[in-house]
Protein backbone atom coordinates (compact mmCIF):
# COMPACT_ATOMS: atom_id res chain seq x y z
CA MET A 1 -0.07 -0.25 0.43
CA VAL A 2 1.07 3.25 -1.05
CA PHE A 3 2.03 5.64 1.97
CA ILE A 4 1.44 3.20 4.56
CA GLY A 5 3.87 4.64 6.45
CA GLU A 6 2.84 7.86 6.46
CA ALA A 7 -0.55 7.04 7.10
CA ALA A 8 0.20 5.01 10.16
CA ALA A 9 2.12 8.26 11.44
CA LEU A 10 -0.78 10.37 11.32
CA ALA A 11 -2.86 8.13 12.86
CA THR A 12 -0.51 7.73 15.57
CA ALA A 13 -0.32 11.38 16.23
CA LEU A 14 -4.24 11.25 16.49
CA LEU A 15 -4.58 8.46 19.01
CA TRP A 16 -1.36 9.69 21.27
CA GLY A 17 -2.89 13.14 21.35
CA LEU A 18 -6.09 11.60 22.64
CA SER A 19 -4.27 8.70 24.86
CA ALA A 20 -2.14 11.75 26.00
CA CYS A 21 -4.78 13.99 27.36
CA MET A 22 -6.40 10.75 29.01
CA HIS A 23 -3.27 9.97 30.74
CA THR A 24 -2.28 12.96 32.22
CA ALA A 25 -5.60 13.35 33.95
CA ALA A 26 -5.20 9.70 35.55
CA ALA A 27 -1.25 10.74 36.44
CA ARG A 28 -2.49 13.60 38.14
CA LEU A 29 -4.78 11.34 40.78
CA VAL A 30 -2.35 8.24 40.88
CA GLY A 31 0.98 10.07 40.30
CA ALA A 32 3.52 9.29 36.83
CA LEU A 33 5.37 6.35 37.95
CA SER A 34 2.01 4.43 39.06
CA LEU A 35 0.41 5.36 35.87
CA ASN A 36 3.44 3.61 34.08
CA LEU A 37 3.70 0.54 36.25
CA PHE A 38 0.19 -0.33 35.33
CA ARG A 39 -0.03 1.15 31.84
CA LEU A 40 2.42 -0.86 30.10
CA PRO A 41 1.04 -4.13 31.40
CA LEU A 42 -1.95 -3.46 29.69
CA SER A 43 -0.51 -2.54 26.70
CA LEU A 44 1.72 -5.75 26.55
CA PHE A 45 -1.89 -7.70 26.98
CA PHE A 46 -3.28 -6.36 24.31
CA PHE A 47 -0.28 -6.88 22.31
CA LEU A 48 -0.06 -10.36 22.98
CA ALA A 49 -3.69 -11.01 22.38
CA GLY A 50 -3.28 -9.25 18.62
CA THR A 51 -0.25 -11.31 18.03
CA ILE A 52 -2.60 -14.43 18.85
CA VAL A 53 -5.45 -13.23 16.92
CA PHE A 54 -3.38 -12.45 13.98
CA GLN A 55 -1.20 -15.54 14.32
CA SER A 56 2.11 -13.49 14.27
CA GLN A 57 5.29 -15.58 13.59
CA TRP A 58 7.91 -14.86 16.61
CA ASP A 59 10.89 -15.26 14.16
CA LEU A 60 12.76 -11.76 15.24
CA SER A 61 17.10 -12.38 15.32
CA GLN A 62 19.26 -12.12 18.57
CA SER A 63 19.76 -8.37 17.57
CA GLN A 64 16.47 -7.48 17.03
CA TYR A 65 15.29 -8.79 20.48
CA LEU A 66 18.22 -6.74 21.58
CA TRP A 67 17.90 -3.54 19.81
CA LEU A 68 13.88 -3.73 20.41
CA ALA A 69 14.39 -4.27 24.21
CA GLY A 70 16.74 -1.26 24.46
CA SER A 71 14.34 0.78 22.39
CA GLY A 72 11.59 -0.11 25.37
CA ILE A 73 13.72 0.36 28.28
CA VAL A 74 14.60 3.57 27.09
CA GLY A 75 11.71 5.00 25.64
CA LEU A 76 8.89 3.31 27.58
CA ALA A 77 10.46 2.45 31.04
CA PHE A 78 12.03 5.46 31.17
CA GLY A 79 10.97 8.04 28.83
CA ASP A 80 7.06 7.96 29.37
CA VAL A 81 7.75 8.05 33.33
CA VAL A 82 9.54 11.40 32.74
CA PHE A 83 7.35 12.62 30.30
CA TYR A 84 3.70 12.24 32.54
CA ALA A 85 5.89 13.64 35.52
CA SER A 86 6.12 16.65 33.10
CA ALA A 87 2.25 16.69 32.13
CA VAL A 88 1.96 17.04 35.93
CA ARG A 89 3.82 19.74 36.83
CA ILE A 90 3.25 21.93 33.58
CA GLY A 91 0.12 20.33 31.86
CA ALA A 92 -0.21 18.16 28.71
CA ARG A 93 -0.27 21.19 26.12
CA LEU A 94 3.42 22.45 27.14
CA SER A 95 4.59 18.92 27.61
CA VAL A 96 3.32 17.52 24.10
CA LEU A 97 4.73 20.95 22.71
CA LEU A 98 8.18 19.73 24.25
CA TRP A 99 7.97 16.78 21.93
CA GLU A 100 7.69 18.53 18.86
CA LEU A 101 11.70 18.56 19.22
CA SER A 102 12.07 14.74 19.48
CA PRO A 103 11.81 14.81 15.44
CA ALA A 104 14.77 16.88 15.30
CA VAL A 105 16.68 14.90 17.51
CA THR A 106 15.88 11.95 16.30
CA ALA A 107 16.84 13.29 12.53
CA VAL A 108 20.17 13.95 13.97
CA LEU A 109 20.72 10.83 15.64
CA ALA A 110 19.11 8.77 12.35
CA TYR A 111 22.07 11.00 10.38
CA PHE A 112 24.81 9.76 12.57
CA TYR A 113 23.78 6.04 13.05
CA LEU A 114 20.96 5.26 10.43
CA ASP A 115 22.73 6.98 7.24
CA GLU A 116 19.79 9.04 7.04
CA GLY A 117 20.68 12.18 4.85
CA LEU A 118 20.23 15.60 6.53
CA SER A 119 20.01 18.42 4.17
CA PRO A 120 20.14 22.22 4.81
CA MET A 121 16.49 22.36 4.64
CA GLY A 122 16.22 19.61 7.21
CA MET A 123 18.89 22.10 9.56
CA GLY A 124 16.61 24.78 8.78
CA GLY A 125 13.57 22.67 10.17
CA ILE A 126 15.44 21.57 13.45
CA ALA A 127 16.07 25.50 13.83
CA LEU A 128 12.50 26.17 13.30
CA THR A 129 11.34 24.04 15.33
CA MET A 130 13.83 25.11 18.58
CA LEU A 131 12.41 28.65 17.74
CA GLY A 132 8.71 27.59 17.55
CA VAL A 133 9.46 25.85 21.34
CA LEU A 134 11.25 28.56 22.57
CA TRP A 135 8.99 31.08 21.71
CA VAL A 136 5.90 29.39 23.75
CA LEU A 137 8.10 28.72 26.80
CA LEU A 138 8.82 32.38 27.15
CA GLU A 139 5.21 33.17 27.51
CA LYS A 140 3.96 33.97 30.73
CA HIS A 141 1.77 31.62 32.76
CA ASP A 142 -1.96 32.17 31.80
CA GLY A 143 -2.82 30.73 35.62
CA SER A 144 -4.47 27.75 34.23
CA ILE A 145 -2.51 25.49 36.50
CA PRO A 146 -2.75 27.11 40.12
CA ASP A 147 0.18 25.05 41.48
CA LEU A 148 2.70 25.76 39.27
CA THR A 149 5.30 27.21 40.69
CA PRO A 150 8.88 28.33 39.35
CA ARG A 151 10.76 25.31 40.59
CA ARG A 152 7.76 22.93 39.20
CA TRP A 153 7.79 25.23 36.27
CA ALA A 154 11.62 23.90 36.16
CA GLU A 155 11.17 20.53 36.92
CA GLY A 156 8.66 19.81 34.46
CA ILE A 157 10.97 21.45 31.44
CA VAL A 158 13.47 19.06 32.74
CA TYR A 159 11.69 16.21 32.49
CA ALA A 160 9.97 16.98 29.17
CA LEU A 161 13.48 17.50 27.84
CA LEU A 162 14.75 14.09 29.14
CA SER A 163 11.58 12.48 27.60
CA VAL A 164 12.42 14.00 24.26
CA ALA A 165 16.15 12.76 24.43
CA ALA A 166 14.72 8.82 25.29
CA GLN A 167 12.05 8.78 23.02
CA SER A 168 14.59 9.67 20.18
CA ILE A 169 17.13 7.20 20.99
CA SER A 170 14.09 4.53 21.53
CA THR A 171 13.01 5.77 17.79
CA VAL A 172 16.58 5.03 16.35
CA PHE A 173 16.54 1.76 18.14
CA ALA A 174 13.19 0.42 17.07
CA ARG A 175 14.15 1.29 13.63
CA THR A 176 17.30 -0.36 13.81
CA ALA A 177 15.23 -3.51 14.37
CA LEU A 178 12.45 -3.02 12.16
CA VAL A 179 14.48 -2.41 8.97
CA GLN A 180 16.01 -6.10 9.80
CA GLY A 181 12.09 -7.65 8.92
CA GLY A 182 9.78 -9.39 11.35
CA ASP A 183 5.75 -8.77 12.55
CA VAL A 184 5.18 -5.72 13.89
CA LEU A 185 3.06 -6.92 16.54
CA VAL A 186 5.76 -9.25 17.99
CA SER A 187 8.21 -6.52 18.29
CA ALA A 188 5.73 -4.23 19.88
CA SER A 189 5.09 -7.03 22.13
CA VAL A 190 8.88 -7.52 22.72
CA ARG A 191 9.54 -3.86 23.33
CA THR A 192 6.84 -3.23 25.63
CA GLY A 193 7.68 -6.81 27.58
CA CYS A 194 11.26 -5.94 28.10
CA ALA A 195 9.95 -2.22 29.36
CA THR A 196 7.35 -3.71 31.89
CA VAL A 197 10.03 -6.08 32.94
CA ALA A 198 12.95 -3.34 33.19
CA LEU A 199 10.12 -1.00 35.49
CA TRP A 200 9.09 -2.96 37.53
CA LEU A 201 12.06 -4.46 38.56
CA PHE A 202 13.67 -0.84 39.37
CA VAL A 203 10.42 -0.34 41.48
CA SER A 204 10.62 -3.29 43.41
CA LEU A 205 14.50 -3.19 43.97
CA VAL A 206 13.36 0.40 45.38
CA GLY A 207 10.54 -0.58 47.33
CA LYS A 208 7.93 1.22 46.06
CA ALA A 209 6.05 -1.60 44.56
CA GLY A 210 3.63 -2.08 47.30
CA ARG A 211 2.41 1.77 47.66
CA SER A 212 2.30 1.71 43.56
CA ILE A 213 -0.45 -1.07 44.11
CA LYS A 214 -2.07 0.53 46.95
CA THR A 215 -2.67 3.75 45.26
CA ILE A 216 -4.14 2.34 41.89
CA ARG A 217 -6.29 0.47 44.20
CA SER A 218 -7.56 3.17 46.09
CA ASN A 219 -8.04 5.36 42.64
CA PRO A 220 -10.48 3.30 40.53
CA GLN A 221 -11.76 5.99 38.46
CA ALA A 222 -7.66 6.20 37.33
CA LEU A 223 -7.97 2.50 36.59
CA ARG A 224 -10.69 2.93 34.20
CA ILE A 225 -8.92 5.87 32.75
CA MET A 226 -5.88 3.96 31.85
CA VAL A 227 -7.72 0.44 30.30
CA LEU A 228 -9.12 2.98 27.88
CA ALA A 229 -6.44 5.28 27.12
CA GLY A 230 -4.07 1.84 27.29
CA PHE A 231 -5.68 0.37 24.57
CA ILE A 232 -6.02 4.12 22.28
CA GLY A 233 -2.66 5.26 22.60
CA PRO A 234 0.22 2.81 24.22
CA THR A 235 -0.90 0.07 22.20
CA VAL A 236 -2.69 0.85 18.66
CA GLY A 237 -0.61 3.59 18.86
CA ILE A 238 2.31 2.52 19.73
CA TRP A 239 1.62 -0.25 17.01
CA LEU A 240 0.58 2.16 14.34
CA SER A 241 4.13 3.98 15.11
CA LEU A 242 6.21 0.88 14.81
CA LEU A 243 4.16 0.09 11.27
CA ALA A 244 5.30 4.04 10.27
CA MET A 245 8.78 3.39 11.52
CA LYS A 246 8.96 0.18 9.50
CA HIS A 247 7.79 1.69 6.47
CA THR A 248 9.13 4.95 6.21
CA LYS A 249 12.26 6.79 7.24
CA ALA A 250 12.53 7.35 10.74
CA GLY A 251 12.47 10.76 10.33
CA ILE A 252 9.33 11.37 8.10
CA ALA A 253 7.66 8.86 10.75
CA ALA A 254 8.72 11.28 13.77
CA THR A 255 7.72 14.34 11.91
CA LEU A 256 4.21 13.25 11.19
CA ILE A 257 3.39 11.97 14.78
CA GLY A 258 4.67 15.37 15.69
CA LEU A 259 1.63 16.64 14.63
CA GLU A 260 0.45 15.56 18.08
CA PRO A 261 0.63 18.62 20.01
CA LEU A 262 -1.82 20.32 17.82
CA VAL A 263 -4.27 17.30 18.53
CA VAL A 264 -3.81 17.91 22.27
CA ILE A 265 -4.32 21.45 22.22
CA ALA A 266 -7.67 21.45 19.94
CA LEU A 267 -8.75 18.45 22.36
CA LEU A 268 -7.91 20.38 25.25
CA ALA A 269 -9.98 23.79 23.99
CA LEU A 270 -13.06 21.56 23.40
CA HIS A 271 -13.16 19.52 27.00
CA GLU A 272 -11.88 22.79 28.84
CA LYS A 273 -14.02 25.15 26.60
CA LYS A 274 -11.01 27.22 26.81
CA ARG A 275 -9.48 29.04 23.68
CA PRO A 276 -5.84 28.64 24.14
CA SER A 277 -3.34 31.56 23.99
CA PRO A 278 -2.32 32.43 20.15
CA ARG A 279 1.48 32.40 21.61
CA LEU A 280 0.57 28.23 22.24
CA VAL A 281 -1.07 28.15 18.88
CA THR A 282 1.54 30.15 16.73
CA GLY A 283 4.31 28.09 18.64
CA ALA A 284 3.08 24.93 17.84
CA LEU A 285 2.25 25.79 14.02
CA ILE A 286 6.14 27.19 13.69
CA SER A 287 7.93 23.82 15.50
CA PHE A 288 5.27 21.64 13.38
CA VAL A 289 6.42 23.86 9.99
CA GLY A 290 9.94 22.69 11.22
CA THR A 291 9.47 19.20 11.51
CA ALA A 292 7.79 19.25 8.06
CA LEU A 293 10.78 20.84 6.59
CA LEU A 294 12.54 17.39 8.39
CA PHE A 295 10.15 15.75 5.93
CA LEU A 296 11.09 17.45 3.15
CA ARG A 297 14.60 17.59 3.23
């Protein structure tokens, strides 16, 4: 099918935007760590069910298993935790907007490690993306997050930037595995399974597993949100993102997925019945134009 990778990337942006809003709401109830401890096993269950339904073949090479394991641990076990820690502090709009930097970072990494070209237009796109994000970061806080202190704002920005780095590295790792072939659902299962084991092992070692379980049990509303959002985003969305990375270049896939901030801005505007600031929308559009230049490079 022509442009299957590009179509999958666009669908990923829509589903991840919706999922990000829902997961941020759940994270405010139970915390970013507890959210991901239960979100990842839910996604793994859905992926494994998919491999059974579609009779997927587990024929990955040892190298592919290692790359996918690294992708899951870096991107899901670490990257998603710090992303939602950021969203809880500074809101989903700004956290997701900062993810606009991910295509630029991914393109640079792909240039060095995957031998994908980076033209002057692409470098201009990176600069434009950074300009759009910086333009929004310099906006005065509008008071929509009552408990947003300068310290929490700084923490949120740092967490968001860490998630950008983690997701970019994760994308390159996944791309390295997927270009070798293999079933996408199986790849997603391996990636999510390794992330699940790594995160639960870490939390158990630091003695926070019991508290996280208790927190989830005391918040059934958060659990319901997680089940639905887990199917929409981390399951269908991740599968589509891997499909995109398999059928198109890593930079192109990341660029189209970069529409996610605009989806989040639109969804939150509808939900809160409050127009986003012109500066936020302008910054998001500038950033997306920058990532679009990466698409055209």
